[in-house]
Structure formats: C-alpha cells, structure tokens
PDB file of all heavy atoms in Angstrom:
ATOM      1  N   ARG A   1      27.975  30.919 -64.050  1.00  0.00           N
ATOM      2  CA  ARG A   1      26.752  30.864 -63.233  1.00  0.00           C
ATOM      3  C   ARG A   1      26.065  32.154 -63.323  1.00  0.00           C
ATOM      4  O   ARG A   1      26.656  33.209 -63.079  1.00  0.00           O
ATOM      5  CB  ARG A   1      27.193  30.586 -61.752  1.00  0.00           C
ATOM      6  CG  ARG A   1      26.017  30.231 -60.889  1.00  0.00           C
ATOM      7  CD  ARG A   1      26.466  29.855 -59.475  1.00  0.00           C
ATOM      8  NE  ARG A   1      25.301  29.484 -58.633  1.00  0.00           N
ATOM      9  CZ  ARG A   1      25.410  29.197 -57.361  1.00  0.00           C
ATOM     10  NH1 ARG A   1      26.607  29.148 -56.785  1.00  0.00           N
ATOM     11  NH2 ARG A   1      24.351  28.822 -56.673  1.00  0.00           N
ATOM     12  N   PRO A   2      24.773  32.126 -63.637  1.00  0.00           N
ATOM     13  CA  PRO A   2      24.015  33.376 -63.741  1.00  0.00           C
ATOM     14  C   PRO A   2      24.066  34.146 -62.474  1.00  0.00           C
ATOM     15  O   PRO A   2      24.122  33.520 -61.331  1.00  0.00           O
ATOM     16  CB  PRO A   2      22.568  32.904 -64.119  1.00  0.00           C
ATOM     17  CG  PRO A   2      22.792  31.598 -64.719  1.00  0.00           C
ATOM     18  CD  PRO A   2      23.969  30.961 -64.002  1.00  0.00           C
ATOM     19  N   THR A   3      23.985  35.453 -62.530  1.00  0.00           N
ATOM     20  CA  THR A   3      24.115  36.288 -61.372  1.00  0.00           C
ATOM     21  C   THR A   3      23.014  37.323 -61.391  1.00  0.00           C
ATOM     22  O   THR A   3      22.457  37.638 -62.456  1.00  0.00           O
ATOM     23  CB  THR A   3      25.419  36.960 -61.234  1.00  0.00           C
ATOM     24  OG1 THR A   3      25.646  37.854 -62.387  1.00  0.00           O
ATOM     25  CG2 THR A   3      26.570  36.023 -61.105  1.00  0.00           C
ATOM     26  N   THR A   4      22.654  37.841 -60.292  1.00  0.00           N
ATOM     27  CA  THR A   4      21.793  39.004 -60.098  1.00  0.00           C
ATOM     28  C   THR A   4      22.506  40.089 -59.323  1.00  0.00           C
ATOM     29  O   THR A   4      23.476  39.788 -58.571  1.00  0.00           O
ATOM     30  CB  THR A   4      20.509  38.663 -59.455  1.00  0.00           C
ATOM     31  OG1 THR A   4      19.614  39.738 -59.390  1.00  0.00           O
ATOM     32  CG2 THR A   4      20.702  38.223 -57.984  1.00  0.00           C
ATOM     33  N   THR A   5      22.139  41.309 -59.502  1.00  0.00           N
ATOM     34  CA  THR A   5      22.859  42.425 -58.862  1.00  0.00           C
ATOM     35  C   THR A   5      21.960  43.054 -57.804  1.00  0.00           C
ATOM     36  O   THR A   5      20.772  43.240 -57.979  1.00  0.00           O
ATOM     37  CB  THR A   5      23.185  43.501 -59.941  1.00  0.00           C
ATOM     38  OG1 THR A   5      24.019  42.918 -60.951  1.00  0.00           O
ATOM     39  CG2 THR A   5      23.985  44.658 -59.316  1.00  0.00           C
ATOM     40  N   SER A   6      22.615  43.372 -56.705  1.00  0.00           N
ATOM     41  CA  SER A   6      21.969  44.032 -55.609  1.00  0.00           C
ATOM     42  C   SER A   6      22.812  45.174 -55.094  1.00  0.00           C
ATOM     43  O   SER A   6      24.055  45.183 -55.310  1.00  0.00           O
ATOM     44  CB  SER A   6      21.637  43.093 -54.493  1.00  0.00           C
ATOM     45  OG  SER A   6      20.990  43.699 -53.343  1.00  0.00           O
ATOM     46  N   ILE A   7      22.252  46.131 -54.386  1.00  0.00           N
ATOM     47  CA  ILE A   7      23.004  47.225 -53.822  1.00  0.00           C
ATOM     48  C   ILE A   7      23.067  46.916 -52.291  1.00  0.00           C
ATOM     49  O   ILE A   7      22.107  46.691 -51.647  1.00  0.00           O
ATOM     50  CB  ILE A   7      22.276  48.592 -54.001  1.00  0.00           C
ATOM     51  CG1 ILE A   7      22.086  48.853 -55.532  1.00  0.00           C
ATOM     52  CG2 ILE A   7      23.084  49.717 -53.342  1.00  0.00           C
ATOM     53  CD1 ILE A   7      23.425  48.949 -56.255  1.00  0.00           C
ATOM     54  N   GLY A   8      24.371  46.949 -51.806  1.00  0.00           N
ATOM     55  CA  GLY A   8      24.628  46.644 -50.391  1.00  0.00           C
ATOM     56  C   GLY A   8      25.228  47.792 -49.705  1.00  0.00           C
ATOM     57  O   GLY A   8      25.712  48.790 -50.289  1.00  0.00           O
ATOM     58  N   THR A   9      25.324  47.643 -48.394  1.00  0.00           N
ATOM     59  CA  THR A   9      25.907  48.661 -47.530  1.00  0.00           C
ATOM     60  C   THR A   9      27.012  47.961 -46.693  1.00  0.00           C
ATOM     61  O   THR A   9      26.773  46.929 -46.066  1.00  0.00           O
ATOM     62  CB  THR A   9      24.846  49.262 -46.558  1.00  0.00           C
ATOM     63  OG1 THR A   9      23.824  49.855 -47.331  1.00  0.00           O
ATOM     64  CG2 THR A   9      25.441  50.345 -45.677  1.00  0.00           C
ATOM     65  N   VAL A  10      28.162  48.645 -46.583  1.00  0.00           N
ATOM     66  CA  VAL A  10      29.215  48.146 -45.783  1.00  0.00           C
ATOM     67  C   VAL A  10      29.053  48.463 -44.330  1.00  0.00           C
ATOM     68  O   VAL A  10      28.698  49.579 -44.017  1.00  0.00           O
ATOM     69  CB  VAL A  10      30.583  48.726 -46.308  1.00  0.00           C
ATOM     70  CG1 VAL A  10      31.729  48.184 -45.519  1.00  0.00           C
ATOM     71  CG2 VAL A  10      30.795  48.381 -47.749  1.00  0.00           C
ATOM     72  N   LEU A  11      29.234  47.495 -43.518  1.00  0.00           N
ATOM     73  CA  LEU A  11      29.102  47.645 -42.048  1.00  0.00           C
ATOM     74  C   LEU A  11      30.356  47.087 -41.378  1.00  0.00           C
ATOM     75  O   LEU A  11      30.869  46.039 -41.689  1.00  0.00           O
ATOM     76  CB  LEU A  11      27.867  46.855 -41.497  1.00  0.00           C
ATOM     77  CG  LEU A  11      26.520  47.228 -42.167  1.00  0.00           C
ATOM     78  CD1 LEU A  11      25.430  46.278 -41.662  1.00  0.00           C
ATOM     79  CD2 LEU A  11      26.109  48.612 -41.827  1.00  0.00           C
ATOM     80  N   ALA A  12      30.786  47.834 -40.359  1.00  0.00           N
ATOM     81  CA  ALA A  12      31.935  47.370 -39.508  1.00  0.00           C
ATOM     82  C   ALA A  12      31.415  46.186 -38.737  1.00  0.00           C
ATOM     83  O   ALA A  12      30.328  46.056 -38.335  1.00  0.00           O
ATOM     84  CB  ALA A  12      32.455  48.476 -38.670  1.00  0.00           C
ATOM     85  N   LEU A  13      32.404  45.328 -38.356  1.00  0.00           N
ATOM     86  CA  LEU A  13      32.060  44.166 -37.538  1.00  0.00           C
ATOM     87  C   LEU A  13      31.567  44.632 -36.208  1.00  0.00           C
ATOM     88  O   LEU A  13      30.644  43.976 -35.596  1.00  0.00           O
ATOM     89  CB  LEU A  13      33.263  43.284 -37.378  1.00  0.00           C
ATOM     90  CG  LEU A  13      33.797  42.581 -38.634  1.00  0.00           C
ATOM     91  CD1 LEU A  13      34.874  41.641 -38.338  1.00  0.00           C
ATOM     92  CD2 LEU A  13      32.744  41.881 -39.449  1.00  0.00           C
ATOM     93  N   ASN A  14      32.137  45.732 -35.669  1.00  0.00           N
ATOM     94  CA  ASN A  14      31.656  46.322 -34.431  1.00  0.00           C
ATOM     95  C   ASN A  14      31.415  47.757 -34.630  1.00  0.00           C
ATOM     96  O   ASN A  14      32.272  48.500 -35.118  1.00  0.00           O
ATOM     97  CB  ASN A  14      32.789  46.171 -33.329  1.00  0.00           C
ATOM     98  CG  ASN A  14      33.044  44.703 -32.939  1.00  0.00           C
ATOM     99  OD1 ASN A  14      32.157  43.990 -32.583  1.00  0.00           O
ATOM    100  ND2 ASN A  14      34.310  44.297 -33.061  1.00  0.00           N
ATOM    101  N   SER A  15      30.177  48.141 -34.398  1.00  0.00           N
ATOM    102  CA  SER A  15      29.881  49.568 -34.613  1.00  0.00           C
ATOM    103  C   SER A  15      28.672  49.945 -33.637  1.00  0.00           C
ATOM    104  O   SER A  15      27.687  49.243 -33.537  1.00  0.00           O
ATOM    105  CB  SER A  15      29.332  49.704 -36.090  1.00  0.00           C
ATOM    106  OG  SER A  15      28.848  50.977 -36.256  1.00  0.00           O
ATOM    107  N   ILE A  16      28.860  51.021 -32.906  1.00  0.00           N
ATOM    108  CA  ILE A  16      27.863  51.445 -31.932  1.00  0.00           C
ATOM    109  C   ILE A  16      27.713  52.940 -31.994  1.00  0.00           C
ATOM    110  O   ILE A  16      28.632  53.669 -32.419  1.00  0.00           O
ATOM    111  CB  ILE A  16      28.252  51.008 -30.511  1.00  0.00           C
ATOM    112  CG1 ILE A  16      29.523  51.702 -30.078  1.00  0.00           C
ATOM    113  CG2 ILE A  16      28.267  49.532 -30.373  1.00  0.00           C
ATOM    114  CD1 ILE A  16      29.775  51.520 -28.620  1.00  0.00           C
ATOM    115  N   THR A  17      26.627  53.420 -31.525  1.00  0.00           N
ATOM    116  CA  THR A  17      26.382  54.851 -31.210  1.00  0.00           C
ATOM    117  C   THR A  17      26.555  54.998 -29.706  1.00  0.00           C
ATOM    118  O   THR A  17      25.795  54.446 -28.920  1.00  0.00           O
ATOM    119  CB  THR A  17      24.980  55.318 -31.645  1.00  0.00           C
ATOM    120  OG1 THR A  17      24.922  55.100 -33.096  1.00  0.00           O
ATOM    121  CG2 THR A  17      24.761  56.815 -31.325  1.00  0.00           C
ATOM    122  N   LEU A  18      27.502  55.842 -29.311  1.00  0.00           N
ATOM    123  CA  LEU A  18      27.858  55.917 -27.875  1.00  0.00           C
ATOM    124  C   LEU A  18      26.873  56.906 -27.207  1.00  0.00           C
ATOM    125  O   LEU A  18      26.703  58.009 -27.690  1.00  0.00           O
ATOM    126  CB  LEU A  18      29.294  56.403 -27.742  1.00  0.00           C
ATOM    127  CG  LEU A  18      29.906  56.182 -26.353  1.00  0.00           C
ATOM    128  CD1 LEU A  18      30.049  54.735 -26.092  1.00  0.00           C
ATOM    129  CD2 LEU A  18      31.344  56.870 -26.347  1.00  0.00           C
ATOM    130  N   ARG A  19      26.271  56.504 -26.137  1.00  0.00           N
ATOM    131  CA  ARG A  19      25.327  57.348 -25.345  1.00  0.00           C
ATOM    132  C   ARG A  19      25.656  57.146 -23.814  1.00  0.00           C
ATOM    133  O   ARG A  19      26.198  56.175 -23.382  1.00  0.00           O
ATOM    134  CB  ARG A  19      23.907  56.953 -25.584  1.00  0.00           C
ATOM    135  CG  ARG A  19      23.464  57.067 -27.060  1.00  0.00           C
ATOM    136  CD  ARG A  19      22.047  56.582 -27.189  1.00  0.00           C
ATOM    137  NE  ARG A  19      21.617  56.548 -28.622  1.00  0.00           N
ATOM    138  CZ  ARG A  19      21.112  57.589 -29.238  1.00  0.00           C
ATOM    139  NH1 ARG A  19      20.841  58.707 -28.593  1.00  0.00           N
ATOM    140  NH2 ARG A  19      20.748  57.470 -30.534  1.00  0.00           N
ATOM    141  N   ASN A  20      25.344  58.214 -23.021  1.00  0.00           N
ATOM    142  CA  ASN A  20      25.534  58.125 -21.631  1.00  0.00           C
ATOM    143  C   ASN A  20      24.235  57.501 -20.965  1.00  0.00           C
ATOM    144  O   ASN A  20      23.072  57.825 -21.381  1.00  0.00           O
ATOM    145  CB  ASN A  20      25.734  59.523 -21.056  1.00  0.00           C
ATOM    146  CG  ASN A  20      24.630  60.470 -21.314  1.00  0.00           C
ATOM    147  OD1 ASN A  20      24.325  60.688 -22.447  1.00  0.00           O
ATOM    148  ND2 ASN A  20      24.159  61.100 -20.314  1.00  0.00           N
ATOM    149  N   GLU A  21      24.463  56.592 -20.047  1.00  0.00           N
ATOM    150  CA  GLU A  21      23.345  55.959 -19.386  1.00  0.00           C
ATOM    151  C   GLU A  21      22.759  56.812 -18.217  1.00  0.00           C
ATOM    152  O   GLU A  21      21.561  56.717 -17.970  1.00  0.00           O
ATOM    153  CB  GLU A  21      23.763  54.630 -18.783  1.00  0.00           C
ATOM    154  CG  GLU A  21      24.246  53.621 -19.767  1.00  0.00           C
ATOM    155  CD  GLU A  21      24.656  52.334 -19.137  1.00  0.00           C
ATOM    156  OE1 GLU A  21      23.798  51.548 -18.680  1.00  0.00           O
ATOM    157  OE2 GLU A  21      25.908  52.051 -19.072  1.00  0.00           O
ATOM    158  N   ILE A  22      23.488  57.642 -17.572  1.00  0.00           N
ATOM    159  CA  ILE A  22      23.116  58.471 -16.448  1.00  0.00           C
ATOM    160  C   ILE A  22      23.369  59.912 -16.813  1.00  0.00           C
ATOM    161  O   ILE A  22      24.408  60.258 -17.354  1.00  0.00           O
ATOM    162  CB  ILE A  22      23.825  58.020 -15.245  1.00  0.00           C
ATOM    163  CG1 ILE A  22      23.609  56.532 -14.913  1.00  0.00           C
ATOM    164  CG2 ILE A  22      23.434  58.868 -13.973  1.00  0.00           C
ATOM    165  CD1 ILE A  22      24.367  55.985 -13.714  1.00  0.00           C
ATOM    166  N   ALA A  23      22.456  60.746 -16.377  1.00  0.00           N
ATOM    167  CA  ALA A  23      22.618  62.209 -16.569  1.00  0.00           C
ATOM    168  C   ALA A  23      23.743  62.732 -15.694  1.00  0.00           C
ATOM    169  O   ALA A  23      23.999  62.222 -14.614  1.00  0.00           O
ATOM    170  CB  ALA A  23      21.342  62.917 -16.306  1.00  0.00           C
ATOM    171  N   GLY A  24      24.372  63.821 -16.182  1.00  0.00           N
ATOM    172  CA  GLY A  24      25.413  64.377 -15.356  1.00  0.00           C
ATOM    173  C   GLY A  24      26.192  65.474 -16.097  1.00  0.00           C
ATOM    174  O   GLY A  24      25.885  65.706 -17.272  1.00  0.00           O
ATOM    175  N   THR A  25      27.154  66.128 -15.462  1.00  0.00           N
ATOM    176  CA  THR A  25      27.959  67.175 -16.005  1.00  0.00           C
ATOM    177  C   THR A  25      29.327  66.640 -16.462  1.00  0.00           C
ATOM    178  O   THR A  25      29.939  65.850 -15.721  1.00  0.00           O
ATOM    179  CB  THR A  25      28.158  68.331 -15.006  1.00  0.00           C
ATOM    180  OG1 THR A  25      26.817  68.804 -14.551  1.00  0.00           O
ATOM    181  CG2 THR A  25      28.988  69.459 -15.564  1.00  0.00           C
ATOM    182  N   VAL A  26      29.763  67.028 -17.710  1.00  0.00           N
ATOM    183  CA  VAL A  26      30.997  66.484 -18.224  1.00  0.00           C
ATOM    184  C   VAL A  26      32.176  67.051 -17.400  1.00  0.00           C
ATOM    185  O   VAL A  26      32.297  68.263 -17.260  1.00  0.00           O
ATOM    186  CB  VAL A  26      31.113  66.842 -19.687  1.00  0.00           C
ATOM    187  CG1 VAL A  26      32.437  66.336 -20.282  1.00  0.00           C
ATOM    188  CG2 VAL A  26      29.915  66.184 -20.466  1.00  0.00           C
ATOM    189  N   ARG A  27      33.088  66.174 -16.966  1.00  0.00           N
ATOM    190  CA  ARG A  27      34.288  66.642 -16.299  1.00  0.00           C
ATOM    191  C   ARG A  27      35.509  66.413 -17.176  1.00  0.00           C
ATOM    192  O   ARG A  27      36.473  67.108 -17.006  1.00  0.00           O
ATOM    193  CB  ARG A  27      34.409  65.857 -14.915  1.00  0.00           C
ATOM    194  CG  ARG A  27      35.545  66.346 -14.106  1.00  0.00           C
ATOM    195  CD  ARG A  27      35.585  65.630 -12.768  1.00  0.00           C
ATOM    196  NE  ARG A  27      35.808  64.164 -12.979  1.00  0.00           N
ATOM    197  CZ  ARG A  27      35.854  63.357 -11.941  1.00  0.00           C
ATOM    198  NH1 ARG A  27      35.656  63.741 -10.719  1.00  0.00           N
ATOM    199  NH2 ARG A  27      36.106  62.037 -12.151  1.00  0.00           N
ATOM    200  N   ARG A  28      35.401  65.371 -18.071  1.00  0.00           N
ATOM    201  CA  ARG A  28      36.575  65.084 -18.920  1.00  0.00           C
ATOM    202  C   ARG A  28      36.144  64.523 -20.267  1.00  0.00           C
ATOM    203  O   ARG A  28      35.146  63.740 -20.288  1.00  0.00           O
ATOM    204  CB  ARG A  28      37.434  64.025 -18.216  1.00  0.00           C
ATOM    205  CG  ARG A  28      38.625  63.521 -19.036  1.00  0.00           C
ATOM    206  CD  ARG A  28      39.340  62.402 -18.253  1.00  0.00           C
ATOM    207  NE  ARG A  28      40.324  61.759 -19.082  1.00  0.00           N
ATOM    208  CZ  ARG A  28      41.002  60.599 -18.764  1.00  0.00           C
ATOM    209  NH1 ARG A  28      40.717  60.042 -17.560  1.00  0.00           N
ATOM    210  NH2 ARG A  28      41.879  60.019 -19.531  1.00  0.00           N
ATOM    211  N   VAL A  29      36.762  64.959 -21.344  1.00  0.00           N
ATOM    212  CA  VAL A  29      36.372  64.505 -22.679  1.00  0.00           C
ATOM    213  C   VAL A  29      37.638  64.101 -23.384  1.00  0.00           C
ATOM    214  O   VAL A  29      38.669  64.836 -23.399  1.00  0.00           O
ATOM    215  CB  VAL A  29      35.695  65.624 -23.493  1.00  0.00           C
ATOM    216  CG1 VAL A  29      35.371  65.108 -24.901  1.00  0.00           C
ATOM    217  CG2 VAL A  29      34.407  66.107 -22.788  1.00  0.00           C
ATOM    218  N   SER A  30      37.587  62.893 -24.013  1.00  0.00           N
ATOM    219  CA  SER A  30      38.715  62.396 -24.859  1.00  0.00           C
ATOM    220  C   SER A  30      38.215  61.901 -26.232  1.00  0.00           C
ATOM    221  O   SER A  30      38.600  60.844 -26.638  1.00  0.00           O
ATOM    222  CB  SER A  30      39.463  61.263 -24.088  1.00  0.00           C
ATOM    223  OG  SER A  30      39.971  61.786 -22.857  1.00  0.00           O
ATOM    224  N   LEU A  31      37.324  62.644 -26.820  1.00  0.00           N
ATOM    225  CA  LEU A  31      36.736  62.294 -28.144  1.00  0.00           C
ATOM    226  C   LEU A  31      37.413  63.132 -29.178  1.00  0.00           C
ATOM    227  O   LEU A  31      37.029  64.299 -29.396  1.00  0.00           O
ATOM    228  CB  LEU A  31      35.247  62.518 -28.086  1.00  0.00           C
ATOM    229  CG  LEU A  31      34.365  61.642 -27.115  1.00  0.00           C
ATOM    230  CD1 LEU A  31      32.981  62.093 -27.140  1.00  0.00           C
ATOM    231  CD2 LEU A  31      34.569  60.158 -27.469  1.00  0.00           C
ATOM    232  N   VAL A  32      38.366  62.500 -29.877  1.00  0.00           N
ATOM    233  CA  VAL A  32      39.068  63.176 -31.008  1.00  0.00           C
ATOM    234  C   VAL A  32      38.586  62.505 -32.283  1.00  0.00           C
ATOM    235  O   VAL A  32      38.848  61.274 -32.517  1.00  0.00           O
ATOM    236  CB  VAL A  32      40.609  63.082 -30.894  1.00  0.00           C
ATOM    237  CG1 VAL A  32      41.279  63.771 -32.051  1.00  0.00           C
ATOM    238  CG2 VAL A  32      41.018  63.675 -29.567  1.00  0.00           C
ATOM    239  N   PRO A  33      37.765  63.176 -33.165  1.00  0.00           N
ATOM    240  CA  PRO A  33      37.329  62.495 -34.373  1.00  0.00           C
ATOM    241  C   PRO A  33      38.464  61.926 -35.214  1.00  0.00           C
ATOM    242  O   PRO A  33      39.476  62.562 -35.429  1.00  0.00           O
ATOM    243  CB  PRO A  33      36.615  63.653 -35.093  1.00  0.00           C
ATOM    244  CG  PRO A  33      36.178  64.652 -34.013  1.00  0.00           C
ATOM    245  CD  PRO A  33      37.376  64.537 -33.015  1.00  0.00           C
TER     246      PRO A  33
END
C-alpha cells in the first residue's frame, strides 16, 4: 500500500501545565522533578 511520510509529536494521554487558581503565599511544596 503506498504511503506518505509525516512528522509527528508524541503526547501523553494526560498532560497539563499546573497553575494556581488563587493568589497566596506558599506554605508547603512537594514538587520533585
């Protein structure tokens, strides 16, 4: 079957950029890369 080639990008099924909804001062952080 003839084919054509394209360049794609891999995406996780679930992926978000985490932001805070309300302003405030940080009291606790548990973000370990």
